[in-house]
Amino acid sequence: MATVIKKDAKGNAPKVDGKKKSAVPENESKEDKFKRLATRRVKLILKLVDGLGNLGNRNAYGYSDEQIEKIFGKIEGAVRDTRNKFSKAAEKKSFHIEL
């Protein structure tokens, strides 16, 4: 069970002796750390993608098809590279050699 640390009105963790108190529970497992960070990061990414989608309103913005292709090419490349990091992590754990 994770420890809940109350934050101030601005969303900042409380300070202890002038330093921020960490919102990270002590002895957090690797799986719990992954879930905590992945959840926060995925929510942020989805919020930003939704904001990008708002730019699709041609009544408010002007853009070319070429600009859209560049944007989505970069995004798709970044997603592909990130997915590959997960595949490579799994591959590194097992070692096999054929002689």
Protein backbone atom coordinates (compact mmCIF):
# COMPACT_ATOMS: atom_id res chain seq x y z
CA MET A 1 0.00 0.00 0.00
CA ALA A 2 1.44 3.35 -1.02
CA THR A 3 1.81 6.21 1.43
CA VAL A 4 -0.21 9.27 0.52
CA ILE A 5 1.53 12.61 0.96
CA LYS A 6 -0.68 15.67 0.98
CA LYS A 7 0.38 18.43 -1.38
CA ASP A 8 -0.17 22.17 -1.06
CA ALA A 9 -2.60 24.20 -3.20
CA LYS A 10 -0.01 24.40 -6.01
CA GLY A 11 0.50 20.64 -6.06
CA ASN A 12 3.93 20.76 -4.41
CA ALA A 13 5.06 18.16 -1.89
CA PRO A 14 5.63 19.51 1.64
CA LYS A 15 9.12 20.67 2.54
CA VAL A 16 11.16 19.29 5.41
CA ASP A 17 14.09 21.41 6.57
CA GLY A 18 13.79 23.52 3.40
CA LYS A 19 13.85 20.46 1.14
CA LYS A 20 10.93 18.85 -0.64
CA LYS A 21 9.71 15.68 1.00
CA SER A 22 9.61 12.94 -1.60
CA ALA A 23 6.22 11.58 -2.65
CA VAL A 24 7.96 8.28 -3.39
CA PRO A 25 7.17 5.63 -0.80
CA GLU A 26 10.14 3.97 0.86
CA ASN A 27 10.86 0.42 -0.31
CA GLU A 28 8.71 0.86 -3.41
CA SER A 29 8.92 -2.22 -5.63
CA LYS A 30 10.13 -1.90 -9.22
CA GLU A 31 6.67 -2.87 -10.47
CA ASP A 32 4.94 -0.26 -8.28
CA LYS A 33 7.43 2.38 -9.40
CA PHE A 34 6.78 1.47 -13.04
CA LYS A 35 3.01 1.67 -12.55
CA ARG A 36 3.23 5.02 -10.73
CA LEU A 37 5.50 6.65 -13.32
CA ALA A 38 3.86 5.06 -16.39
CA THR A 39 0.40 6.14 -15.28
CA ARG A 40 1.49 9.73 -14.78
CA ARG A 41 3.45 9.89 -18.05
CA VAL A 42 0.73 8.25 -20.17
CA LYS A 43 -1.87 10.68 -18.79
CA LEU A 44 0.42 13.60 -19.69
CA ILE A 45 1.08 12.25 -23.20
CA LEU A 46 -2.63 11.73 -23.85
CA LYS A 47 -3.39 15.26 -22.65
CA LEU A 48 -0.74 16.68 -24.98
CA VAL A 49 -1.96 14.60 -27.93
CA ASP A 50 -5.48 15.86 -27.28
CA GLY A 51 -4.13 19.42 -27.30
CA LEU A 52 -2.36 18.74 -30.58
CA GLY A 53 -5.65 17.46 -32.00
CA ASN A 54 -7.23 20.81 -31.21
CA LEU A 55 -4.92 22.31 -33.84
CA GLY A 56 -6.87 20.36 -36.45
CA ASN A 57 -9.58 23.03 -36.42
CA ARG A 58 -9.15 24.65 -39.85
CA ASN A 59 -11.40 27.53 -38.80
CA ALA A 60 -8.80 28.59 -36.24
CA TYR A 61 -5.49 27.40 -37.74
CA GLY A 62 -3.84 27.22 -41.13
CA TYR A 63 -1.49 24.38 -42.05
CA SER A 64 -0.39 22.29 -45.00
CA ASP A 65 -0.60 18.55 -45.51
CA GLU A 66 3.22 18.54 -45.55
CA GLN A 67 3.32 20.07 -42.06
CA ILE A 68 0.90 17.44 -40.77
CA GLU A 69 2.97 14.62 -42.32
CA LYS A 70 6.11 16.00 -40.62
CA ILE A 71 4.38 16.23 -37.24
CA PHE A 72 2.96 12.71 -37.36
CA GLY A 73 6.15 11.28 -38.84
CA LYS A 74 8.07 12.58 -35.81
CA ILE A 75 5.45 11.33 -33.36
CA GLU A 76 5.22 7.89 -34.95
CA GLY A 77 9.02 7.60 -35.01
CA ALA A 78 9.25 8.51 -31.32
CA VAL A 79 6.56 5.96 -30.43
CA ARG A 80 8.31 3.27 -32.49
CA ASP A 81 11.68 4.04 -30.83
CA THR A 82 10.08 3.94 -27.38
CA ARG A 83 8.32 0.64 -28.07
CA ASN A 84 11.64 -0.82 -29.25
CA LYS A 85 13.20 0.08 -25.90
CA PHE A 86 10.72 -2.24 -24.21
CA SER A 87 11.46 -5.05 -26.69
CA LYS A 88 15.21 -4.61 -26.26
CA ALA A 89 14.85 -4.70 -22.48
CA ALA A 90 13.18 -8.11 -22.74
CA GLU A 91 15.82 -9.37 -25.19
CA LYS A 92 18.70 -8.33 -22.91
CA LYS A 93 17.46 -10.58 -20.12
CA SER A 94 17.86 -13.75 -22.14
CA PHE A 95 21.14 -14.72 -23.75
CA HIS A 96 21.42 -17.43 -26.35
CA ILE A 97 24.26 -18.36 -28.65
CA GLU A 98 24.27 -20.94 -31.43
CA LEU A 99 27.56 -22.53 -32.22
